[in-house]
Protein backbone atom coordinates (compact mmCIF):
# COMPACT_ATOMS: atom_id res chain seq x y z
CA MET A 1 83.74 72.86 138.81
CA ILE A 2 80.37 72.27 137.21
CA PHE A 3 81.59 71.06 133.85
CA ASP A 4 84.45 69.14 132.29
CA TYR A 5 86.95 71.09 130.20
CA ARG A 6 88.27 67.85 128.65
CA LYS A 7 91.79 69.21 129.06
CA HIS A 8 93.29 66.52 126.88
CA ARG A 9 91.42 68.03 123.93
CA ALA A 10 91.93 71.70 124.82
CA SER A 11 95.03 73.83 124.61
CA ARG A 12 97.15 74.02 127.73
CA GLY A 13 96.94 77.06 129.95
CA LEU A 14 93.19 77.64 129.75
CA GLY A 15 92.82 77.83 133.52
CA ASN A 16 95.58 80.42 133.79
CA ILE A 17 94.00 82.56 131.08
CA LEU A 18 90.56 82.43 132.65
CA ARG A 19 91.98 83.28 136.07
CA ALA A 20 93.74 86.26 134.52
CA LEU A 21 90.50 87.39 132.93
CA ASN A 22 88.67 87.18 136.22
CA GLY A 23 88.80 90.70 137.60
CA MET A 24 90.60 92.09 134.55
CA THR A 25 88.16 92.17 131.68
CA ARG A 26 84.59 92.46 132.88
CA GLY A 27 81.40 93.85 131.44
CA ILE A 28 82.42 94.13 127.80
CA GLU A 29 80.03 96.47 126.05
CA GLY A 30 80.19 96.01 122.32
CA LEU A 31 80.45 99.23 120.32
CA ALA A 32 79.95 101.37 123.43
CA LYS A 33 80.59 105.11 123.59
CA VAL A 34 82.03 106.55 126.80
CA PRO A 35 82.97 110.15 127.68
CA ASP A 36 86.65 111.01 127.18
CA TYR A 37 87.36 107.74 125.42
CA PRO A 38 90.56 106.34 126.96
CA PRO A 39 93.75 105.59 125.02
CA ALA A 40 93.93 102.49 122.88
CA SER A 41 94.97 99.20 124.43
CA PRO A 42 98.72 98.57 124.60
CA TRP A 43 98.14 95.24 122.84
CA ALA A 44 96.53 96.82 119.78
CA ARG A 45 98.03 96.13 116.38
CA THR A 46 99.68 99.09 114.69
CA PHE A 47 97.17 100.49 112.22
CA PRO A 48 98.94 101.16 108.90
CA ALA A 49 97.52 103.13 105.98
CA GLY A 50 95.02 101.11 103.98
CA ALA A 51 94.73 98.50 106.71
CA PHE A 52 91.02 97.88 106.27
CA GLY A 53 91.55 95.37 103.48
CA ALA A 54 94.90 94.05 104.66
CA ALA A 55 95.91 90.71 106.07
CA ALA A 56 92.64 88.89 105.37
CA GLY A 57 93.02 85.17 105.93
CA VAL A 58 96.10 85.52 108.11
CA THR A 59 95.83 83.59 111.38
CA ALA A 60 99.32 83.82 112.89
CA GLY A 61 100.08 86.39 115.56
CA LEU A 62 96.70 88.09 115.69
CA GLY A 63 96.77 91.50 117.35
CA GLU A 64 94.15 93.02 119.60
CA GLY A 65 91.49 94.66 117.50
CA ASP A 66 91.94 92.30 114.55
CA ARG A 67 88.66 91.14 113.08
CA VAL A 68 88.19 87.37 112.79
CA ARG A 69 85.56 84.82 111.83
CA LEU A 70 85.02 81.33 113.18
CA VAL A 71 86.13 78.68 110.70
CA ARG A 72 84.08 75.97 112.43
CA PRO A 73 81.03 75.97 114.71
CA PHE A 74 81.61 76.68 118.40
CA TRP A 75 79.76 75.01 121.26
CA GLY A 76 80.28 77.07 124.40
CA VAL A 77 79.53 76.98 128.10
CA PRO A 78 80.25 79.97 130.39
CA ASP A 79 83.19 79.78 132.75
CA PRO A 80 81.59 80.29 136.19
CA ASP A 81 84.12 82.93 137.29
CA THR A 82 84.54 85.05 134.15
CA GLY A 83 81.55 84.33 131.94
CA VAL A 84 83.90 83.60 129.03
CA LEU A 85 82.55 80.83 126.84
CA VAL A 86 84.82 77.78 126.72
CA GLN A 87 84.47 74.79 124.45
CA ASP A 88 81.67 72.44 125.51
CA TRP A 89 82.77 69.11 124.10
CA ASP A 90 79.74 67.28 125.49
CA ALA A 91 77.33 69.54 123.58
CA GLU A 92 79.34 69.09 120.41
CA ASP A 93 79.48 65.31 120.80
CA ALA A 94 75.73 65.21 121.46
CA GLY A 95 75.04 67.06 118.20
CA GLN A 96 73.38 70.01 119.91
CA ARG A 97 72.88 73.30 118.10
CA PRO A 98 76.16 75.29 118.26
CA THR A 99 76.39 78.52 120.22
CA TYR A 100 77.97 80.12 117.14
CA ARG A 101 77.86 78.90 113.58
CA ALA A 102 80.91 78.88 111.34
CA GLY A 103 81.31 82.32 109.82
CA SER A 104 80.36 84.24 112.97
CA ASN A 105 82.49 87.35 113.44
CA GLY A 106 84.29 88.87 116.39
CA THR A 107 87.28 90.91 117.55
CA ILE A 108 90.51 89.76 119.20
CA ILE A 109 91.03 91.11 122.74
CA TYR A 110 93.58 90.40 125.45
CA PRO A 111 93.37 90.46 129.27
CA TYR A 112 94.11 93.88 130.73
CA PRO A 113 95.91 94.77 132.86
CA ALA A 114 98.17 91.78 132.32
CA PRO A 115 101.95 91.34 132.19
CA GLU A 116 103.41 91.67 128.72
CA TYR A 117 104.89 88.17 128.91
CA PHE A 118 101.43 86.73 129.60
CA VAL A 119 99.94 88.31 126.49
CA GLU A 120 102.95 87.39 124.38
CA GLU A 121 102.61 83.78 125.52
CA MET A 122 98.97 83.75 124.48
CA ARG A 123 99.87 85.19 121.11
CA ALA A 124 102.79 82.81 120.61
CA LYS A 125 100.52 79.82 121.23
CA SER A 126 97.70 81.38 119.16
CA ASN A 127 95.26 81.26 122.08
CA TYR A 128 92.79 84.13 121.96
CA ILE A 129 89.82 85.74 123.61
CA VAL A 130 87.28 86.77 120.98
CA SER A 131 84.72 89.47 121.67
CA MET A 132 81.86 88.34 119.45
CA ASP A 133 79.66 90.87 117.68
CA ASP A 134 76.76 90.11 120.02
CA GLY A 135 78.90 91.19 123.03
CA ARG A 136 79.74 87.76 124.43
CA ARG A 137 83.30 86.49 124.75
CA LEU A 138 84.73 83.11 123.89
CA TYR A 139 88.08 81.43 124.41
CA SER A 140 89.63 80.03 121.25
CA GLY A 141 92.33 77.56 122.22
CA ASN A 142 94.66 76.65 119.39
CA PRO A 143 93.65 73.17 118.11
CA SER A 144 96.54 72.97 115.66
CA ALA A 145 99.78 71.10 116.16
CA SER A 146 101.53 74.25 114.95
CA PRO A 147 101.80 76.65 117.92
CA TRP A 148 101.68 79.74 115.71
CA VAL A 149 98.49 78.99 113.76
CA ASN A 150 94.98 78.90 115.20
CA THR A 151 93.01 76.98 112.60
CA ASP A 152 89.67 77.80 114.26
CA LEU A 153 90.00 81.53 113.44
CA GLU A 154 90.42 83.35 110.16
CA ARG A 155 91.50 86.98 109.84
CA ILE A 156 88.95 89.08 107.95
CA PRO A 157 89.17 92.66 106.69
CA GLY A 158 88.65 95.39 109.23
CA GLN A 159 90.00 96.67 112.50
CA TYR A 160 88.31 97.57 115.77
CA GLN A 161 89.59 99.97 118.38
CA VAL A 162 89.94 98.29 121.77
CA THR A 163 90.18 100.31 124.98
CA HIS A 164 90.00 99.46 128.66
CA HIS A 165 88.32 101.85 131.06
CA LYS A 166 87.46 101.37 134.74
CA GLY A 167 87.55 97.59 134.54
CA LYS A 168 85.54 97.36 131.32
CA THR A 169 86.66 96.69 127.78
CA TYR A 170 85.15 98.60 124.87
CA VAL A 171 85.39 97.82 121.17
CA ARG A 172 84.33 99.97 118.24
CA PRO A 173 85.14 100.10 114.50
CA LYS A 174 88.29 101.91 113.49
CA PHE A 175 88.80 103.41 110.05
CA ASN A 176 91.51 105.07 108.02
CA SER A 177 91.39 107.89 105.50
CA LEU A 178 89.55 106.96 102.28
CA ASP A 179 88.24 103.66 103.68
CA LEU A 180 85.02 102.68 101.94
CA VAL A 181 82.07 102.51 104.35
CA ARG A 182 78.29 102.34 104.39
CA LEU A 183 75.73 103.62 106.87
CA ARG A 184 74.57 100.95 109.30
CA GLU A 185 71.06 102.38 109.77
CA SER A 186 68.85 105.26 108.65
CA PHE A 187 68.74 108.45 110.69
CA ILE A 188 67.77 112.13 110.53
CA CYS A 189 70.58 114.61 111.11
CA ARG A 190 69.84 116.94 114.01
CA ASN A 191 71.79 119.78 112.41
CA ASN A 192 70.14 119.98 108.99
CA GLY A 193 67.04 117.79 109.31
CA LYS A 194 68.15 115.68 106.34
CA ARG A 195 67.42 111.98 106.27
CA TYR A 196 70.30 109.61 105.62
CA GLU A 197 69.46 106.10 104.51
CA ALA A 198 70.97 102.82 105.65
CA GLY A 199 73.22 101.39 102.96
CA TRP A 200 74.42 104.71 101.55
CA ARG A 201 78.12 104.45 100.79
CA GLY A 202 80.97 106.87 101.02
CA ARG A 203 84.58 107.25 102.09
CA ILE A 204 86.21 108.36 105.30
CA PHE A 205 87.34 111.90 104.50
CA PRO A 206 88.68 113.88 107.47
CA LEU A 207 88.23 117.50 106.49
CA THR A 208 87.89 119.56 109.65
CA MET A 209 89.35 116.86 111.90
CA THR A 210 92.61 114.96 111.86
CA LEU A 211 92.55 111.19 111.68
CA ALA A 212 93.94 111.11 115.22
CA ASP A 213 90.94 113.22 116.30
CA CYS A 214 88.62 110.70 114.66
CA TRP A 215 90.24 107.80 116.51
CA ALA A 216 90.14 109.66 119.82
CA SER A 217 86.53 110.84 119.55
CA GLY A 218 85.01 107.99 117.55
CA LEU A 219 83.53 110.57 115.14
CA TYR A 220 84.26 110.29 111.43
CA GLU A 221 83.59 112.67 108.56
CA VAL A 222 82.24 110.73 105.58
CA SER A 223 82.01 111.95 101.99
CA LEU A 224 78.93 110.18 100.67
CA ASP A 225 78.62 108.91 97.11
CA ASP A 226 76.24 110.69 94.75
CA ASP A 227 72.84 109.09 94.19
CA SER A 228 71.91 107.27 90.96
CA SER A 229 70.89 110.53 89.29
CA GLY A 230 74.18 112.21 90.17
CA ARG A 231 72.73 114.38 92.91
CA LYS A 232 75.19 115.22 95.66
CA ARG A 233 74.62 113.68 99.09
CA GLY A 234 77.47 115.64 100.63
CA MET A 235 79.32 115.10 103.89
CA VAL A 236 78.07 113.76 107.18
CA THR A 237 79.78 113.29 110.56
CA VAL A 238 78.80 110.13 112.42
CA TYR A 239 80.03 107.85 115.17
CA ALA A 240 82.07 104.81 114.21
CA GLU A 241 79.23 102.62 115.49
CA ALA A 242 77.01 103.97 112.70
CA LEU A 243 79.42 102.77 109.99
CA ILE A 244 80.23 99.42 108.42
CA GLY A 245 83.47 98.95 106.52
CA VAL A 246 83.15 97.74 102.92
CA PRO A 247 86.07 95.76 101.44
CA GLU A 248 87.45 97.17 98.20
CA ARG A 249 86.76 95.08 95.13
């Protein structure tokens, strides 16, 4: 082992979790699109109506796909077998620049395939693997004396769809009907030649597709807001990766 985990300061079971990840969850590709997108992970949280703004701030019993932010900075060093970032206490003690600042966002994932009891044990102890928005993964061991609350993570609005396919794990945004969204970047539609600008807002409005179709394909129909002069912007169909959820005020 090339570094010291300082096990007396970390949650128990880290080695078991990393061994389970080795060969189970490799090559995570953030927001990737793949043909015939596979079914959602069995560990995914049930996605109720209006879930985009629900459960913010909740830390207990996080489900796969839940969006979280780091409450405190994270100093990480890659596990040599899995590449998962584990806490680097030496870097923190030395005052080095953190790998992630407080407020950095990510998505909860679980090892797959893994026995149900293994995942339930992780959840019960509030130990999580977080797929960060830049594509890297980190292990968040529960630092709290309470086994059901991970004080290093905070639930934030939003939900990502997590799937596992041919040894890789994929994550992408998941939306519900009438969720408020905005366009992530500008683009020109190939069908009508119209330019759509980054920042335009609208609502998820399945019209020719069912919501189940949207989840399966990753394509969402969006009813865009009118511009400042009241001119209609109409509907556009885009991949989930092109959308950012906007919390309701």
